[in-house]
Amino acid sequence: MARALSSMVLKGIAGIPAARSSRIVCGSFYDNGMRYSTTVPSDPDTHQDFRPTNKLESGGVSLKDVVEQDVKENPVMIYMKGVPEFPQCGFSSLAVRVLKQYDVPLSARNILEDPELKNAVKAFSTWPTFPQIFIKGEFIGGSDIILNLHQTGELKEKLKDVAASQERSE
């Protein structure tokens, strides 16, 4: 029963679009400051039925495909430690604070939820650290680069048509 339930919950990661900042990100969500998660640590004391499984194993979709789809379909995509509302690292927090100043739709995936996703993102971008920010399909870099672009005014230029298209769709 537990295996079937966890399989149902976790199997569809490829079908779930990357979360906007107010939606569930990779199996966890926050409600009134409390973190709820559908993942279980894979330590030796955890029974086999409750250990995490490959979320894409029977879906026929690779993690590389998930990352490509995320980057292609989301004008601003950030792979980070935590979620935009509750970053779990100072660098991720800085990147989110900078991006939120531009009032653009911010999509994110929490790389702490899935080590395989973390490795797939690293391979996709050939960049070793997180957060990793993509704007309109282009890899930009991490928090230091986003901060630098913000300070020089280049980030505003990169995001102006993203903000404009959001205003038109509202």
Protein backbone atom coordinates (compact mmCIF):
# COMPACT_ATOMS: atom_id res chain seq x y z
CA MET A 1 0.00 0.00 0.00
CA ALA A 2 2.72 2.46 1.00
CA ARG A 3 4.78 1.59 -2.06
CA ALA A 4 1.79 2.08 -4.36
CA LEU A 5 0.95 5.40 -2.72
CA SER A 6 4.51 6.71 -2.87
CA SER A 7 4.81 5.49 -6.44
CA MET A 8 1.64 7.38 -7.40
CA VAL A 9 2.84 10.53 -5.64
CA LEU A 10 6.39 10.49 -6.98
CA LYS A 11 5.95 8.95 -10.43
CA GLY A 12 4.60 12.10 -12.03
CA ILE A 13 7.51 14.50 -11.46
CA ALA A 14 8.14 14.80 -15.20
CA GLY A 15 4.50 15.69 -15.80
CA ILE A 16 4.49 18.38 -13.12
CA PRO A 17 5.62 21.73 -14.44
CA ALA A 18 8.33 23.49 -12.47
CA ALA A 19 6.65 25.21 -9.61
CA ARG A 20 5.87 28.87 -9.59
CA SER A 21 6.89 30.29 -6.26
CA SER A 22 3.53 29.52 -4.66
CA ARG A 23 3.15 25.91 -5.81
CA ILE A 24 4.61 22.61 -4.61
CA VAL A 25 8.25 22.09 -5.57
CA CYS A 26 9.53 18.52 -6.09
CA GLY A 27 7.50 16.74 -3.45
CA SER A 28 7.60 19.29 -0.64
CA PHE A 29 5.55 22.30 0.27
CA TYR A 30 5.22 24.85 3.02
CA ASP A 31 2.07 25.77 4.85
CA ASN A 32 2.01 28.32 7.67
CA GLY A 33 5.77 28.04 8.07
CA MET A 34 5.75 24.22 8.33
CA ARG A 35 7.57 22.10 5.74
CA TYR A 36 5.78 19.01 4.48
CA SER A 37 7.58 16.51 2.29
CA THR A 38 6.76 13.35 0.38
CA THR A 39 10.37 12.21 0.40
CA VAL A 40 12.02 10.00 3.00
CA PRO A 41 15.76 9.83 3.69
CA SER A 42 17.46 6.78 2.23
CA ASP A 43 19.32 5.73 5.34
CA PRO A 44 19.88 2.08 6.28
CA ASP A 45 17.26 2.27 9.04
CA THR A 46 14.50 3.17 6.60
CA HIS A 47 12.44 0.18 5.47
CA GLN A 48 12.70 -0.61 1.73
CA ASP A 49 9.03 0.30 1.18
CA PHE A 50 9.69 3.86 2.36
CA ARG A 51 13.00 4.58 0.63
CA PRO A 52 12.94 7.00 -2.30
CA THR A 53 12.78 5.48 -5.73
CA ASN A 54 13.75 6.82 -9.10
CA LYS A 55 10.88 9.18 -9.78
CA LEU A 56 11.17 8.83 -13.54
CA GLU A 57 11.96 5.15 -13.78
CA SER A 58 8.78 4.06 -15.55
CA GLY A 59 7.90 7.41 -17.12
CA GLY A 60 10.31 7.06 -20.04
CA VAL A 61 11.47 10.65 -19.50
CA SER A 62 15.04 11.37 -18.47
CA LEU A 63 16.05 14.03 -15.98
CA LYS A 64 17.93 15.73 -18.83
CA ASP A 65 14.57 16.02 -20.63
CA VAL A 66 12.95 17.45 -17.48
CA VAL A 67 15.67 20.10 -17.18
CA GLU A 68 15.45 20.96 -20.90
CA GLN A 69 11.67 21.28 -20.62
CA ASP A 70 11.93 23.46 -17.49
CA VAL A 71 14.42 25.82 -19.12
CA LYS A 72 12.47 26.00 -22.38
CA GLU A 73 9.01 26.53 -20.87
CA ASN A 74 9.82 28.92 -18.02
CA PRO A 75 11.08 32.43 -18.80
CA VAL A 76 12.91 32.58 -15.46
CA MET A 77 13.98 29.21 -14.06
CA ILE A 78 16.06 28.75 -10.93
CA TYR A 79 17.46 25.51 -9.59
CA MET A 80 18.13 26.22 -5.96
CA LYS A 81 18.51 24.86 -2.46
CA GLY A 82 15.04 25.23 -1.01
CA VAL A 83 12.10 27.05 -2.56
CA PRO A 84 11.73 30.78 -3.27
CA GLU A 85 9.62 31.35 -0.14
CA PHE A 86 12.12 29.44 2.05
CA PRO A 87 15.61 29.29 0.55
CA GLN A 88 17.91 26.90 2.39
CA CYS A 89 21.17 28.59 1.44
CA GLY A 90 22.39 32.18 1.49
CA PHE A 91 23.30 32.17 -2.21
CA SER A 92 19.87 30.88 -3.21
CA SER A 93 18.27 33.48 -0.96
CA LEU A 94 20.30 36.28 -2.57
CA ALA A 95 19.38 35.15 -6.10
CA VAL A 96 15.67 35.02 -5.24
CA ARG A 97 15.73 38.45 -3.57
CA VAL A 98 17.39 39.99 -6.63
CA LEU A 99 14.99 38.33 -9.10
CA LYS A 100 11.90 39.26 -7.06
CA GLN A 101 12.74 42.94 -7.48
CA TYR A 102 11.77 42.63 -11.16
CA ASP A 103 8.29 41.21 -10.55
CA VAL A 104 8.68 38.43 -13.12
CA PRO A 105 7.23 34.91 -12.87
CA LEU A 106 9.84 32.84 -11.07
CA SER A 107 9.83 29.07 -11.54
CA ALA A 108 11.98 26.86 -9.33
CA ARG A 109 13.01 23.34 -8.45
CA ASN A 110 14.51 22.37 -5.11
CA ILE A 111 17.68 20.40 -5.90
CA LEU A 112 17.90 19.17 -2.29
CA GLU A 113 14.86 16.97 -2.92
CA ASP A 114 16.54 14.87 -5.61
CA PRO A 115 20.32 14.32 -5.88
CA GLU A 116 19.85 12.91 -9.40
CA LEU A 117 18.15 16.14 -10.50
CA LYS A 118 21.04 18.10 -9.00
CA ASN A 119 23.52 16.09 -11.10
CA ALA A 120 21.37 16.43 -14.23
CA VAL A 121 21.28 20.22 -13.87
CA LYS A 122 25.06 20.34 -13.37
CA ALA A 123 25.56 18.25 -16.51
CA PHE A 124 23.10 20.37 -18.50
CA SER A 125 24.73 23.70 -17.66
CA THR A 126 28.31 22.46 -17.11
CA TRP A 127 28.31 24.67 -14.02
CA PRO A 128 29.25 23.10 -10.65
CA THR A 129 27.44 25.27 -8.10
CA PHE A 130 23.91 26.32 -7.13
CA PRO A 131 21.74 28.25 -7.53
CA GLN A 132 21.62 28.08 -11.31
CA ILE A 133 19.52 30.66 -13.10
CA PHE A 134 18.20 30.45 -16.66
CA ILE A 135 16.50 33.39 -18.37
CA LYS A 136 14.62 32.79 -21.62
CA GLY A 137 16.43 29.48 -22.11
CA GLU A 138 19.90 30.93 -21.58
CA PHE A 139 22.07 29.87 -18.66
CA ILE A 140 23.02 33.02 -16.77
CA GLY A 141 24.94 31.71 -13.76
CA GLY A 142 24.59 31.88 -9.99
CA SER A 143 23.81 34.49 -7.37
CA ASP A 144 27.05 36.43 -7.81
CA ILE A 145 26.45 36.85 -11.55
CA ILE A 146 22.78 37.79 -11.06
CA LEU A 147 23.80 40.37 -8.45
CA ASN A 148 26.45 41.80 -10.78
CA LEU A 149 23.97 41.98 -13.69
CA HIS A 150 21.48 43.70 -11.38
CA GLN A 151 24.06 46.27 -10.23
CA THR A 152 25.11 47.09 -13.80
CA GLY A 153 21.54 47.31 -15.11
CA GLU A 154 21.99 44.37 -17.51
CA LEU A 155 19.51 42.17 -15.63
CA LYS A 156 16.75 44.74 -16.14
CA GLU A 157 17.45 44.60 -19.87
CA LYS A 158 17.38 40.78 -19.93
CA LEU A 159 14.08 40.68 -18.03
CA LYS A 160 12.21 43.59 -19.62
CA ASP A 161 10.31 41.53 -22.21
CA VAL A 162 9.56 38.82 -19.59
CA ALA A 163 7.94 41.46 -17.37
CA ALA A 164 6.15 43.01 -20.36
CA SER A 165 4.72 39.67 -21.52
CA GLN A 166 3.48 38.99 -18.00
CA GLU A 167 1.67 42.33 -17.92
CA ARG A 168 -0.02 41.58 -21.27
CA SER A 169 -1.25 38.18 -20.09
CA GLU A 170 -2.89 39.57 -16.93
